[in-house]
Amino acid sequence: MTRASFSKSDVDFLVKEPKFIRFVSRQNASGNVIQIQAPVFKNSEPSTAIKGLFVKATVDKPLSGISKRPRPSCCLDYKGQRIRGIDFEQWHDNPDGTRILGGHEHLWSVEWGDSLVIGIPE
């Protein structure tokens, strides 16, 4: 795992700070996947984007006759690393040996990066 150039307190501050998305800066469609990326702005300074912080979202287009519905995912990306994310997998193994089934949230830490997840009630 690459050593982060920021701390857990930096991440906690960014996650808790009031913020908004003004516009979607980039959208890509490749195969059956649509991806968007948008800069994040401070509520306290609406004209100032938070340097290095982006919201990224991905939606898999449903395949005709195979998929019932798309499974979206989204994350906050800071300096190229996911610091918070929500997605769905059949199961996700945690670094501590536990396993989370279905929808889950990725939590960032210095020790585990974004590998640690908690379940999202359905």
PDB file of N, CA and C in Angstrom:
ATOM      1  N   MET A   1       0.847  -1.175   0.000  1.00  0.00           N
ATOM      2  CA  MET A   1       0.000   0.000   0.000  1.00  0.00           C
ATOM      3  C   MET A   1       0.890   1.235   0.000  1.00  0.00           C
ATOM      4  N   THR A   2       0.520   2.233  -0.798  1.00  0.00           N
ATOM      5  CA  THR A   2       1.268   3.474  -0.875  1.00  0.00           C
ATOM      6  C   THR A   2       1.006   4.318   0.368  1.00  0.00           C
ATOM      7  N   ARG A   3       2.058   4.879   0.908  1.00  0.00           N
ATOM      8  CA  ARG A   3       1.942   5.740   2.091  1.00  0.00           C
ATOM      9  C   ARG A   3       1.243   7.046   1.700  1.00  0.00           C
ATOM     10  N   ALA A   4       0.218   7.420   2.445  1.00  0.00           N
ATOM     11  CA  ALA A   4      -0.552   8.624   2.147  1.00  0.00           C
ATOM     12  C   ALA A   4       0.210   9.874   2.570  1.00  0.00           C
ATOM     13  N   SER A   5      -0.022  10.955   1.830  1.00  0.00           N
ATOM     14  CA  SER A   5       0.608  12.229   2.165  1.00  0.00           C
ATOM     15  C   SER A   5      -0.315  13.069   3.052  1.00  0.00           C
ATOM     16  N   PHE A   6      -1.237  12.383   3.745  1.00  0.00           N
ATOM     17  CA  PHE A   6      -2.170  13.063   4.637  1.00  0.00           C
ATOM     18  C   PHE A   6      -2.475  12.140   5.804  1.00  0.00           C
ATOM     19  N   SER A   7      -3.105  12.692   6.838  1.00  0.00           N
ATOM     20  CA  SER A   7      -3.364  11.943   8.065  1.00  0.00           C
ATOM     21  C   SER A   7      -4.839  11.595   8.208  1.00  0.00           C
ATOM     22  N   LYS A   8      -5.149  10.775   9.187  1.00  0.00           N
ATOM     23  CA  LYS A   8      -6.534  10.407   9.498  1.00  0.00           C
ATOM     24  C   LYS A   8      -7.325  11.651   9.891  1.00  0.00           C
ATOM     25  N   SER A   9      -6.716  12.579  10.622  1.00  0.00           N
ATOM     26  CA  SER A   9      -7.434  13.792  11.010  1.00  0.00           C
ATOM     27  C   SER A   9      -7.742  14.661   9.783  1.00  0.00           C
ATOM     28  N   ASP A  10      -6.850  14.681   8.782  1.00  0.00           N
ATOM     29  CA  ASP A  10      -7.130  15.392   7.529  1.00  0.00           C
ATOM     30  C   ASP A  10      -8.375  14.799   6.858  1.00  0.00           C
ATOM     31  N   VAL A  11      -8.420  13.480   6.796  1.00  0.00           N
ATOM     32  CA  VAL A  11      -9.544  12.782   6.162  1.00  0.00           C
ATOM     33  C   VAL A  11     -10.834  13.039   6.936  1.00  0.00           C
ATOM     34  N   ASP A  12     -10.774  12.906   8.262  1.00  0.00           N
ATOM     35  CA  ASP A  12     -11.976  13.138   9.073  1.00  0.00           C
ATOM     36  C   ASP A  12     -12.513  14.548   8.862  1.00  0.00           C
ATOM     37  N   PHE A  13     -11.623  15.530   8.787  1.00  0.00           N
ATOM     38  CA  PHE A  13     -12.036  16.912   8.561  1.00  0.00           C
ATOM     39  C   PHE A  13     -12.707  17.051   7.198  1.00  0.00           C
ATOM     40  N   LEU A  14     -12.098  16.493   6.161  1.00  0.00           N
ATOM     41  CA  LEU A  14     -12.658  16.599   4.806  1.00  0.00           C
ATOM     42  C   LEU A  14     -14.029  15.940   4.701  1.00  0.00           C
ATOM     43  N   VAL A  15     -14.204  14.800   5.359  1.00  0.00           N
ATOM     44  CA  VAL A  15     -15.480  14.084   5.300  1.00  0.00           C
ATOM     45  C   VAL A  15     -16.572  14.876   6.029  1.00  0.00           C
ATOM     46  N   LYS A  16     -16.227  15.468   7.179  1.00  0.00           N
ATOM     47  CA  LYS A  16     -17.224  16.179   7.992  1.00  0.00           C
ATOM     48  C   LYS A  16     -17.497  17.603   7.521  1.00  0.00           C
ATOM     49  N   GLU A  17     -16.544  18.242   6.840  1.00  0.00           N
ATOM     50  CA  GLU A  17     -16.712  19.629   6.426  1.00  0.00           C
ATOM     51  C   GLU A  17     -17.889  19.771   5.451  1.00  0.00           C
ATOM     52  N   PRO A  18     -18.770  20.765   5.667  1.00  0.00           N
ATOM     53  CA  PRO A  18     -19.859  20.991   4.707  1.00  0.00           C
ATOM     54  C   PRO A  18     -19.291  21.341   3.329  1.00  0.00           C
ATOM     55  N   LYS A  19     -19.814  20.682   2.302  1.00  0.00           N
ATOM     56  CA  LYS A  19     -19.277  20.849   0.951  1.00  0.00           C
ATOM     57  C   LYS A  19     -20.376  20.584  -0.067  1.00  0.00           C
ATOM     58  N   PHE A  20     -20.096  20.926  -1.319  1.00  0.00           N
ATOM     59  CA  PHE A  20     -21.080  20.691  -2.368  1.00  0.00           C
ATOM     60  C   PHE A  20     -20.377  20.487  -3.705  1.00  0.00           C
ATOM     61  N   ILE A  21     -21.149  19.994  -4.666  1.00  0.00           N
ATOM     62  CA  ILE A  21     -20.656  19.798  -6.029  1.00  0.00           C
ATOM     63  C   ILE A  21     -21.361  20.831  -6.896  1.00  0.00           C
ATOM     64  N   ARG A  22     -20.613  21.650  -7.600  1.00  0.00           N
ATOM     65  CA  ARG A  22     -21.194  22.690  -8.455  1.00  0.00           C
ATOM     66  C   ARG A  22     -21.507  22.151  -9.847  1.00  0.00           C
ATOM     67  N   PHE A  23     -20.634  21.302 -10.381  1.00  0.00           N
ATOM     68  CA  PHE A  23     -20.808  20.783 -11.733  1.00  0.00           C
ATOM     69  C   PHE A  23     -20.030  19.488 -11.867  1.00  0.00           C
ATOM     70  N   VAL A  24     -20.386  18.693 -12.856  1.00  0.00           N
ATOM     71  CA  VAL A  24     -19.656  17.467 -13.167  1.00  0.00           C
ATOM     72  C   VAL A  24     -18.637  17.822 -14.237  1.00  0.00           C
ATOM     73  N   SER A  25     -17.363  17.647 -13.903  1.00  0.00           N
ATOM     74  CA  SER A  25     -16.325  18.087 -14.827  1.00  0.00           C
ATOM     75  C   SER A  25     -15.985  17.064 -15.900  1.00  0.00           C
ATOM     76  N   ARG A  26     -16.202  15.792 -15.609  1.00  0.00           N
ATOM     77  CA  ARG A  26     -15.809  14.777 -16.586  1.00  0.00           C
ATOM     78  C   ARG A  26     -16.768  13.594 -16.529  1.00  0.00           C
ATOM     79  N   GLN A  27     -17.128  13.098 -17.697  1.00  0.00           N
ATOM     80  CA  GLN A  27     -17.972  11.913 -17.783  1.00  0.00           C
ATOM     81  C   GLN A  27     -17.398  11.017 -18.871  1.00  0.00           C
ATOM     82  N   ASN A  28     -17.199   9.765 -18.540  1.00  0.00           N
ATOM     83  CA  ASN A  28     -16.675   8.793 -19.493  1.00  0.00           C
ATOM     84  C   ASN A  28     -17.648   7.626 -19.594  1.00  0.00           C
ATOM     85  N   ALA A  29     -17.819   7.115 -20.789  1.00  0.00           N
ATOM     86  CA  ALA A  29     -18.598   5.904 -20.999  1.00  0.00           C
ATOM     87  C   ALA A  29     -17.702   4.923 -21.739  1.00  0.00           C
ATOM     88  N   SER A  30     -17.521   3.758 -21.136  1.00  0.00           N
ATOM     89  CA  SER A  30     -16.664   2.750 -21.740  1.00  0.00           C
ATOM     90  C   SER A  30     -17.338   1.400 -21.574  1.00  0.00           C
ATOM     91  N   GLY A  31     -17.635   0.737 -22.682  1.00  0.00           N
ATOM     92  CA  GLY A  31     -18.322  -0.552 -22.600  1.00  0.00           C
ATOM     93  C   GLY A  31     -19.657  -0.379 -21.910  1.00  0.00           C
ATOM     94  N   ASN A  32     -19.864  -1.101 -20.818  1.00  0.00           N
ATOM     95  CA  ASN A  32     -21.130  -0.978 -20.099  1.00  0.00           C
ATOM     96  C   ASN A  32     -20.952  -0.230 -18.771  1.00  0.00           C
ATOM     97  N   VAL A  33     -19.959   0.687 -18.703  1.00  0.00           N
ATOM     98  CA  VAL A  33     -19.709   1.448 -17.482  1.00  0.00           C
ATOM     99  C   VAL A  33     -19.728   2.942 -17.784  1.00  0.00           C
ATOM    100  N   ILE A  34     -20.430   3.704 -16.928  1.00  0.00           N
ATOM    101  CA  ILE A  34     -20.416   5.165 -17.013  1.00  0.00           C
ATOM    102  C   ILE A  34     -19.712   5.673 -15.760  1.00  0.00           C
ATOM    103  N   GLN A  35     -18.753   6.576 -15.940  1.00  0.00           N
ATOM    104  CA  GLN A  35     -18.012   7.148 -14.814  1.00  0.00           C
ATOM    105  C   GLN A  35     -18.101   8.664 -14.866  1.00  0.00           C
ATOM    106  N   ILE A  36     -18.288   9.277 -13.701  1.00  0.00           N
ATOM    107  CA  ILE A  36     -18.245  10.732 -13.623  1.00  0.00           C
ATOM    108  C   ILE A  36     -17.257  11.146 -12.544  1.00  0.00           C
ATOM    109  N   GLN A  37     -16.752  12.369 -12.683  1.00  0.00           N
ATOM    110  CA  GLN A  37     -15.853  12.939 -11.692  1.00  0.00           C
ATOM    111  C   GLN A  37     -16.214  14.405 -11.538  1.00  0.00           C
ATOM    112  N   ALA A  38     -16.274  14.895 -10.301  1.00  0.00           N
ATOM    113  CA  ALA A  38     -16.635  16.282 -10.051  1.00  0.00           C
ATOM    114  C   ALA A  38     -15.790  16.855  -8.917  1.00  0.00           C
ATOM    115  N   PRO A  39     -15.316  18.087  -9.074  1.00  0.00           N
ATOM    116  CA  PRO A  39     -14.596  18.731  -7.972  1.00  0.00           C
ATOM    117  C   PRO A  39     -15.566  19.071  -6.847  1.00  0.00           C
ATOM    118  N   VAL A  40     -15.027  19.182  -5.643  1.00  0.00           N
ATOM    119  CA  VAL A  40     -15.829  19.469  -4.453  1.00  0.00           C
ATOM    120  C   VAL A  40     -15.478  20.863  -3.958  1.00  0.00           C
ATOM    121  N   PHE A  41     -16.519  21.642  -3.605  1.00  0.00           N
ATOM    122  CA  PHE A  41     -16.338  23.023  -3.165  1.00  0.00           C
ATOM    123  C   PHE A  41     -16.725  23.183  -1.697  1.00  0.00           C
ATOM    124  N   LYS A  42     -16.090  24.134  -1.034  1.00  0.00           N
ATOM    125  CA  LYS A  42     -16.389  24.431   0.369  1.00  0.00           C
ATOM    126  C   LYS A  42     -17.687  25.232   0.459  1.00  0.00           C
ATOM    127  N   ASN A  43     -18.552  24.883   1.421  1.00  0.00           N
ATOM    128  CA  ASN A  43     -19.743  25.694   1.672  1.00  0.00           C
ATOM    129  C   ASN A  43     -19.344  27.084   2.152  1.00  0.00           C
ATOM    130  N   SER A  44     -18.287  27.143   2.969  1.00  0.00           N
ATOM    131  CA  SER A  44     -17.861  28.422   3.532  1.00  0.00           C
ATOM    132  C   SER A  44     -17.228  29.346   2.496  1.00  0.00           C
ATOM    133  N   GLU A  45     -16.692  28.773   1.409  1.00  0.00           N
ATOM    134  CA  GLU A  45     -16.090  29.554   0.330  1.00  0.00           C
ATOM    135  C   GLU A  45     -16.559  28.954  -1.000  1.00  0.00           C
ATOM    136  N   PRO A  46     -17.778  29.287  -1.434  1.00  0.00           N
ATOM    137  CA  PRO A  46     -18.380  28.630  -2.605  1.00  0.00           C
ATOM    138  C   PRO A  46     -17.590  28.721  -3.904  1.00  0.00           C
ATOM    139  N   SER A  47     -16.677  29.676  -4.007  1.00  0.00           N
ATOM    140  CA  SER A  47     -15.901  29.784  -5.250  1.00  0.00           C
ATOM    141  C   SER A  47     -14.585  29.017  -5.176  1.00  0.00           C
ATOM    142  N   THR A  48     -14.338  28.349  -4.035  1.00  0.00           N
ATOM    143  CA  THR A  48     -13.068  27.664  -3.837  1.00  0.00           C
ATOM    144  C   THR A  48     -13.239  26.152  -3.817  1.00  0.00           C
ATOM    145  N   ALA A  49     -12.667  25.486  -4.806  1.00  0.00           N
ATOM    146  CA  ALA A  49     -12.660  24.015  -4.806  1.00  0.00           C
ATOM    147  C   ALA A  49     -11.642  23.545  -3.776  1.00  0.00           C
ATOM    148  N   ILE A  50     -11.933  22.430  -3.141  1.00  0.00           N
ATOM    149  CA  ILE A  50     -10.999  21.844  -2.186  1.00  0.00           C
ATOM    150  C   ILE A  50      -9.939  21.109  -2.994  1.00  0.00           C
ATOM    151  N   LYS A  51      -8.714  21.586  -2.915  1.00  0.00           N
ATOM    152  CA  LYS A  51      -7.627  21.064  -3.748  1.00  0.00           C
ATOM    153  C   LYS A  51      -7.435  19.560  -3.529  1.00  0.00           C
ATOM    154  N   GLY A  52      -7.503  18.812  -4.626  1.00  0.00           N
ATOM    155  CA  GLY A  52      -7.258  17.373  -4.587  1.00  0.00           C
ATOM    156  C   GLY A  52      -8.451  16.525  -4.231  1.00  0.00           C
ATOM    157  N   LEU A  53      -9.627  17.130  -3.936  1.00  0.00           N
ATOM    158  CA  LEU A  53     -10.799  16.365  -3.514  1.00  0.00           C
ATOM    159  C   LEU A  53     -11.828  16.313  -4.647  1.00  0.00           C
ATOM    160  N   PHE A  54     -12.232  15.091  -5.003  1.00  0.00           N
ATOM    161  CA  PHE A  54     -13.214  14.873  -6.062  1.00  0.00           C
ATOM    162  C   PHE A  54     -14.240  13.848  -5.613  1.00  0.00           C
ATOM    163  N   VAL A  55     -15.445  13.969  -6.141  1.00  0.00           N
ATOM    164  CA  VAL A  55     -16.447  12.917  -6.015  1.00  0.00           C
ATOM    165  C   VAL A  55     -16.371  12.124  -7.301  1.00  0.00           C
ATOM    166  N   LYS A  56     -16.313  10.818  -7.181  1.00  0.00           N
ATOM    167  CA  LYS A  56     -16.308   9.948  -8.352  1.00  0.00           C
ATOM    168  C   LYS A  56     -17.477   8.980  -8.211  1.00  0.00           C
ATOM    169  N   ALA A  57     -18.162   8.734  -9.311  1.00  0.00           N
ATOM    170  CA  ALA A  57     -19.284   7.799  -9.302  1.00  0.00           C
ATOM    171  C   ALA A  57     -19.201   6.912 -10.533  1.00  0.00           C
ATOM    172  N   THR A  58     -19.619   5.664 -10.364  1.00  0.00           N
ATOM    173  CA  THR A  58     -19.614   4.697 -11.456  1.00  0.00           C
ATOM    174  C   THR A  58     -20.955   3.970 -11.465  1.00  0.00           C
ATOM    175  N   VAL A  59     -21.500   3.798 -12.654  1.00  0.00           N
ATOM    176  CA  VAL A  59     -22.725   3.018 -12.806  1.00  0.00           C
ATOM    177  C   VAL A  59     -22.488   2.015 -13.923  1.00  0.00           C
ATOM    178  N   ASP A  60     -22.714   0.742 -13.615  1.00  0.00           N
ATOM    179  CA  ASP A  60     -22.672  -0.296 -14.639  1.00  0.00           C
ATOM    180  C   ASP A  60     -24.024  -0.298 -15.332  1.00  0.00           C
ATOM    181  N   LYS A  61     -24.032  -0.140 -16.650  1.00  0.00           N
ATOM    182  CA  LYS A  61     -25.286  -0.218 -17.397  1.00  0.00           C
ATOM    183  C   LYS A  61     -25.799  -1.651 -17.311  1.00  0.00           C
ATOM    184  N   PRO A  62     -27.102  -1.836 -17.069  1.00  0.00           N
ATOM    185  CA  PRO A  62     -27.618  -3.202 -17.028  1.00  0.00           C
ATOM    186  C   PRO A  62     -27.502  -3.857 -18.399  1.00  0.00           C
ATOM    187  N   LEU A  63     -27.134  -5.113 -18.399  1.00  0.00           N
ATOM    188  CA  LEU A  63     -27.042  -5.862 -19.650  1.00  0.00           C
ATOM    189  C   LEU A  63     -28.412  -6.452 -19.965  1.00  0.00           C
ATOM    190  N   SER A  64     -28.866  -6.261 -21.169  1.00  0.00           N
ATOM    191  CA  SER A  64     -30.186  -6.703 -21.592  1.00  0.00           C
ATOM    192  C   SER A  64     -30.394  -8.191 -21.320  1.00  0.00           C
ATOM    193  N   GLY A  65     -31.445  -8.507 -20.569  1.00  0.00           N
ATOM    194  CA  GLY A  65     -31.794  -9.890 -20.284  1.00  0.00           C
ATOM    195  C   GLY A  65     -30.949 -10.547 -19.203  1.00  0.00           C
ATOM    196  N   ILE A  66     -29.925  -9.849 -18.698  1.00  0.00           N
ATOM    197  CA  ILE A  66     -29.047 -10.456 -17.689  1.00  0.00           C
ATOM    198  C   ILE A  66     -29.169  -9.716 -16.356  1.00  0.00           C
ATOM    199  N   SER A  67     -28.983  -8.412 -16.385  1.00  0.00           N
ATOM    200  CA  SER A  67     -28.994  -7.620 -15.160  1.00  0.00           C
ATOM    201  C   SER A  67     -30.361  -6.996 -14.940  1.00  0.00           C
ATOM    202  N   LYS A  68     -30.822  -7.024 -13.706  1.00  0.00           N
ATOM    203  CA  LYS A  68     -32.094  -6.397 -13.377  1.00  0.00           C
ATOM    204  C   LYS A  68     -31.940  -4.885 -13.275  1.00  0.00           C
ATOM    205  N   ARG A  69     -30.867  -4.429 -12.650  1.00  0.00           N
ATOM    206  CA  ARG A  69     -30.653  -2.998 -12.466  1.00  0.00           C
ATOM    207  C   ARG A  69     -29.159  -2.729 -12.287  1.00  0.00           C
ATOM    208  N   PRO A  70     -28.759  -1.496 -12.563  1.00  0.00           N
ATOM    209  CA  PRO A  70     -27.341  -1.165 -12.398  1.00  0.00           C
ATOM    210  C   PRO A  70     -26.962  -1.092 -10.923  1.00  0.00           C
ATOM    211  N   ARG A  71     -25.702  -1.310 -10.635  1.00  0.00           N
ATOM    212  CA  ARG A  71     -25.191  -1.206  -9.270  1.00  0.00           C
ATOM    213  C   ARG A  71     -24.241  -0.018  -9.210  1.00  0.00           C
ATOM    214  N   PRO A  72     -24.706   1.112  -8.699  1.00  0.00           N
ATOM    215  CA  PRO A  72     -23.847   2.289  -8.655  1.00  0.00           C
ATOM    216  C   PRO A  72     -22.853   2.223  -7.501  1.00  0.00           C
ATOM    217  N   SER A  73     -21.779   2.981  -7.622  1.00  0.00           N
ATOM    218  CA  SER A  73     -20.839   3.171  -6.520  1.00  0.00           C
ATOM    219  C   SER A  73     -20.370   4.614  -6.574  1.00  0.00           C
ATOM    220  N   CYS A  74     -19.950   5.130  -5.439  1.00  0.00           N
ATOM    221  CA  CYS A  74     -19.428   6.492  -5.409  1.00  0.00           C
ATOM    222  C   CYS A  74     -18.366   6.586  -4.328  1.00  0.00           C
ATOM    223  N   CYS A  75     -17.515   7.604  -4.465  1.00  0.00           N
ATOM    224  CA  CYS A  75     -16.472   7.778  -3.464  1.00  0.00           C
ATOM    225  C   CYS A  75     -15.994   9.222  -3.425  1.00  0.00           C
ATOM    226  N   LEU A  76     -15.367   9.562  -2.320  1.00  0.00           N
ATOM    227  CA  LEU A  76     -14.592  10.789  -2.212  1.00  0.00           C
ATOM    228  C   LEU A  76     -13.154  10.378  -2.460  1.00  0.00           C
ATOM    229  N   ASP A  77     -12.522  11.024  -3.416  1.00  0.00           N
ATOM    230  CA  ASP A  77     -11.138  10.725  -3.783  1.00  0.00           C
ATOM    231  C   ASP A  77     -10.292  11.946  -3.412  1.00  0.00           C
ATOM    232  N   TYR A  78      -9.282  11.727  -2.574  1.00  0.00           N
ATOM    233  CA  TYR A  78      -8.407  12.820  -2.145  1.00  0.00           C
ATOM    234  C   TYR A  78      -6.977  12.490  -2.544  1.00  0.00           C
ATOM    235  N   LYS A  79      -6.419  13.327  -3.373  1.00  0.00           N
ATOM    236  CA  LYS A  79      -5.047  13.153  -3.855  1.00  0.00           C
ATOM    237  C   LYS A  79      -4.825  11.761  -4.445  1.00  0.00           C
ATOM    238  N   GLY A  80      -5.832  11.284  -5.183  1.00  0.00           N
ATOM    239  CA  GLY A  80      -5.719  10.006  -5.875  1.00  0.00           C
ATOM    240  C   GLY A  80      -6.011   8.782  -5.033  1.00  0.00           C
ATOM    241  N   GLN A  81      -6.486   8.957  -3.792  1.00  0.00           N
ATOM    242  CA  GLN A  81      -6.821   7.813  -2.937  1.00  0.00           C
ATOM    243  C   GLN A  81      -8.266   7.930  -2.466  1.00  0.00           C
ATOM    244  N   ARG A  82      -8.977   6.804  -2.498  1.00  0.00           N
ATOM    245  CA  ARG A  82     -10.355   6.791  -2.004  1.00  0.00           C
ATOM    246  C   ARG A  82     -10.318   6.917  -0.487  1.00  0.00           C
ATOM    247  N   ILE A  83     -10.961   7.973   0.037  1.00  0.00           N
ATOM    248  CA  ILE A  83     -10.991   8.173   1.483  1.00  0.00           C
ATOM    249  C   ILE A  83     -12.343   7.797   2.083  1.00  0.00           C
ATOM    250  N   ARG A  84     -13.370   7.682   1.262  1.00  0.00           N
ATOM    251  CA  ARG A  84     -14.681   7.224   1.691  1.00  0.00           C
ATOM    252  C   ARG A  84     -15.389   6.715   0.454  1.00  0.00           C
ATOM    253  N   GLY A  85     -16.096   5.619   0.561  1.00  0.00           N
ATOM    254  CA  GLY A  85     -16.773   5.084  -0.605  1.00  0.00           C
ATOM    255  C   GLY A  85     -17.949   4.217  -0.228  1.00  0.00           C
ATOM    256  N   ILE A  86     -18.899   4.128  -1.129  1.00  0.00           N
ATOM    257  CA  ILE A  86     -20.067   3.263  -0.948  1.00  0.00           C
ATOM    258  C   ILE A  86     -20.221   2.429  -2.214  1.00  0.00           C
ATOM    259  N   ASP A  87     -20.339   1.110  -2.039  1.00  0.00           N
ATOM    260  CA  ASP A  87     -20.590   0.248  -3.184  1.00  0.00           C
ATOM    261  C   ASP A  87     -21.208  -1.062  -2.739  1.00  0.00           C
ATOM    262  N   PHE A  88     -21.381  -1.975  -3.674  1.00  0.00           N
ATOM    263  CA  PHE A  88     -22.034  -3.253  -3.423  1.00  0.00           C
ATOM    264  C   PHE A  88     -21.200  -4.361  -4.034  1.00  0.00           C
ATOM    265  N   GLU A  89     -20.972  -5.405  -3.272  1.00  0.00           N
ATOM    266  CA  GLU A  89     -20.333  -6.630  -3.761  1.00  0.00           C
ATOM    267  C   GLU A  89     -21.013  -7.793  -3.049  1.00  0.00           C
ATOM    268  N   GLN A  90     -20.921  -8.984  -3.617  1.00  0.00           N
ATOM    269  CA  GLN A  90     -21.484 -10.151  -2.933  1.00  0.00           C
ATOM    270  C   GLN A  90     -20.913 -10.253  -1.522  1.00  0.00           C
ATOM    271  N   TRP A  91     -19.598 -10.089  -1.405  1.00  0.00           N
ATOM    272  CA  TRP A  91     -18.955 -10.015  -0.097  1.00  0.00           C
ATOM    273  C   TRP A  91     -17.662  -9.229  -0.221  1.00  0.00           C
ATOM    274  N   HIS A  92     -17.238  -8.676   0.886  1.00  0.00           N
ATOM    275  CA  HIS A  92     -15.988  -7.920   0.939  1.00  0.00           C
ATOM    276  C   HIS A  92     -15.241  -8.354   2.193  1.00  0.00           C
ATOM    277  N   ASP A  93     -14.032  -8.846   2.026  1.00  0.00           N
ATOM    278  CA  ASP A  93     -13.216  -9.273   3.162  1.00  0.00           C
ATOM    279  C   ASP A  93     -12.528  -8.068   3.785  1.00  0.00           C
ATOM    280  N   ASN A  94     -12.585  -7.972   5.109  1.00  0.00           N
ATOM    281  CA  ASN A  94     -11.898  -6.920   5.856  1.00  0.00           C
ATOM    282  C   ASN A  94     -10.493  -7.386   6.239  1.00  0.00           C
ATOM    283  N   PRO A  95      -9.588  -6.455   6.470  1.00  0.00           N
ATOM    284  CA  PRO A  95      -8.230  -6.832   6.883  1.00  0.00           C
ATOM    285  C   PRO A  95      -8.191  -7.616   8.194  1.00  0.00           C
ATOM    286  N   ASP A  96      -9.199  -7.432   9.059  1.00  0.00           N
ATOM    287  CA  ASP A  96      -9.221  -8.148  10.339  1.00  0.00           C
ATOM    288  C   ASP A  96      -9.813  -9.553  10.226  1.00  0.00           C
ATOM    289  N   GLY A  97     -10.161  -9.992   9.007  1.00  0.00           N
ATOM    290  CA  GLY A  97     -10.683 -11.336   8.796  1.00  0.00           C
ATOM    291  C   GLY A  97     -12.197 -11.419   8.757  1.00  0.00           C
ATOM    292  N   THR A  98     -12.909 -10.340   9.102  1.00  0.00           N
ATOM    293  CA  THR A  98     -14.370 -10.367   9.015  1.00  0.00           C
ATOM    294  C   THR A  98     -14.794 -10.190   7.561  1.00  0.00           C
ATOM    295  N   ARG A  99     -16.036 -10.528   7.290  1.00  0.00           N
ATOM    296  CA  ARG A  99     -16.569 -10.440   5.925  1.00  0.00           C
ATOM    297  C   ARG A  99     -17.889  -9.676   5.968  1.00  0.00           C
ATOM    298  N   ILE A 100     -18.046  -8.721   5.081  1.00  0.00           N
ATOM    299  CA  ILE A 100     -19.267  -7.936   4.977  1.00  0.00           C
ATOM    300  C   ILE A 100     -19.980  -8.342   3.687  1.00  0.00           C
ATOM    301  N   LEU A 101     -21.272  -8.593   3.783  1.00  0.00           N
ATOM    302  CA  LEU A 101     -22.062  -9.013   2.625  1.00  0.00           C
ATOM    303  C   LEU A 101     -22.876  -7.846   2.085  1.00  0.00           C
ATOM    304  N   GLY A 102     -22.931  -7.698   0.756  1.00  0.00           N
ATOM    305  CA  GLY A 102     -23.788  -6.713   0.102  1.00  0.00           C
ATOM    306  C   GLY A 102     -23.245  -5.294   0.135  1.00  0.00           C
ATOM    307  N   GLY A 103     -24.174  -4.344   0.352  1.00  0.00           N
ATOM    308  CA  GLY A 103     -23.802  -2.935   0.365  1.00  0.00           C
ATOM    309  C   GLY A 103     -22.900  -2.611   1.544  1.00  0.00           C
ATOM    310  N   HIS A 104     -21.882  -1.787   1.284  1.00  0.00           N
ATOM    311  CA  HIS A 104     -20.941  -1.444   2.342  1.00  0.00           C
ATOM    312  C   HIS A 104     -20.293  -0.087   2.100  1.00  0.00           C
ATOM    313  N   GLU A 105     -19.715   0.463   3.161  1.00  0.00           N
ATOM    314  CA  GLU A 105     -19.028   1.736   3.107  1.00  0.00           C
ATOM    315  C   GLU A 105     -17.554   1.509   3.418  1.00  0.00           C
ATOM    316  N   HIS A 106     -16.691   2.076   2.577  1.00  0.00           N
ATOM    317  CA  HIS A 106     -15.252   2.004   2.798  1.00  0.00           C
ATOM    318  C   HIS A 106     -14.836   3.155   3.703  1.00  0.00           C
ATOM    319  N   LEU A 107     -14.069   2.847   4.746  1.00  0.00           N
ATOM    320  CA  LEU A 107     -13.551   3.858   5.668  1.00  0.00           C
ATOM    321  C   LEU A 107     -12.041   3.901   5.519  1.00  0.00           C
ATOM    322  N   TRP A 108     -11.458   5.089   5.472  1.00  0.00           N
ATOM    323  CA  TRP A 108     -10.020   5.227   5.263  1.00  0.00           C
ATOM    324  C   TRP A 108      -9.281   5.275   6.590  1.00  0.00           C
ATOM    325  N   SER A 109      -8.123   4.625   6.636  1.00  0.00           N
ATOM    326  CA  SER A 109      -7.219   4.731   7.783  1.00  0.00           C
ATOM    327  C   SER A 109      -5.790   4.670   7.267  1.00  0.00           C
ATOM    328  N   VAL A 110      -4.865   5.173   8.066  1.00  0.00           N
ATOM    329  CA  VAL A 110      -3.448   5.139   7.682  1.00  0.00           C
ATOM    330  C   VAL A 110      -2.991   3.692   7.534  1.00  0.00           C
ATOM    331  N   GLU A 111      -3.441   2.834   8.448  1.00  0.00           N
ATOM    332  CA  GLU A 111      -3.006   1.436   8.463  1.00  0.00           C
ATOM    333  C   GLU A 111      -3.549   0.622   7.294  1.00  0.00           C
ATOM    334  N   TRP A 112      -4.836   0.775   6.989  1.00  0.00           N
ATOM    335  CA  TRP A 112      -5.485  -0.097   6.003  1.00  0.00           C
ATOM    336  C   TRP A 112      -5.855   0.597   4.697  1.00  0.00           C
ATOM    337  N   GLY A 113      -5.613   1.883   4.562  1.00  0.00           N
ATOM    338  CA  GLY A 113      -6.073   2.582   3.366  1.00  0.00           C
ATOM    339  C   GLY A 113      -7.586   2.536   3.320  1.00  0.00           C
ATOM    340  N   ASP A 114      -8.179   2.117   2.195  1.00  0.00           N
ATOM    341  CA  ASP A 114      -9.647   2.043   2.097  1.00  0.00           C
ATOM    342  C   ASP A 114     -10.156   0.596   2.149  1.00  0.00           C
ATOM    343  N   SER A 115      -9.344  -0.322   2.680  1.00  0.00           N
ATOM    344  CA  SER A 115      -9.727  -1.739   2.703  1.00  0.00           C
ATOM    345  C   SER A 115     -10.771  -2.082   3.771  1.00  0.00           C
ATOM    346  N   LEU A 116     -10.874  -1.285   4.816  1.00  0.00           N
ATOM    347  CA  LEU A 116     -11.805  -1.557   5.905  1.00  0.00           C
ATOM    348  C   LEU A 116     -13.206  -1.110   5.505  1.00  0.00           C
ATOM    349  N   VAL A 117     -14.195  -1.996   5.656  1.00  0.00           N
ATOM    350  CA  VAL A 117     -15.569  -1.655   5.291  1.00  0.00           C
ATOM    351  C   VAL A 117     -16.522  -1.966   6.445  1.00  0.00           C
ATOM    352  N   ILE A 118     -17.637  -1.244   6.445  1.00  0.00           N
ATOM    353  CA  ILE A 118     -18.735  -1.536   7.363  1.00  0.00           C
ATOM    354  C   ILE A 118     -19.987  -1.751   6.526  1.00  0.00           C
ATOM    355  N   GLY A 119     -20.901  -2.573   7.005  1.00  0.00           N
ATOM    356  CA  GLY A 119     -22.118  -2.872   6.256  1.00  0.00           C
ATOM    357  C   GLY A 119     -23.092  -1.710   6.259  1.00  0.00           C
ATOM    358  N   ILE A 120     -23.880  -1.623   5.201  1.00  0.00           N
ATOM    359  CA  ILE A 120     -24.951  -0.631   5.093  1.00  0.00           C
ATOM    360  C   ILE A 120     -26.262  -1.400   5.208  1.00  0.00           C
ATOM    361  N   PRO A 121     -27.099  -1.045   6.188  1.00  0.00           N
ATOM    362  CA  PRO A 121     -28.386  -1.752   6.317  1.00  0.00           C
ATOM    363  C   PRO A 121     -29.230  -1.575   5.064  1.00  0.00           C
ATOM    364  N   GLU A 122     -29.873  -2.643   4.643  1.00  0.00           N
ATOM    365  CA  GLU A 122     -30.723  -2.582   3.432  1.00  0.00           C
ATOM    366  C   GLU A 122     -32.145  -2.329   3.762  1.00  0.00           C
TER     367      GLU A 122
END
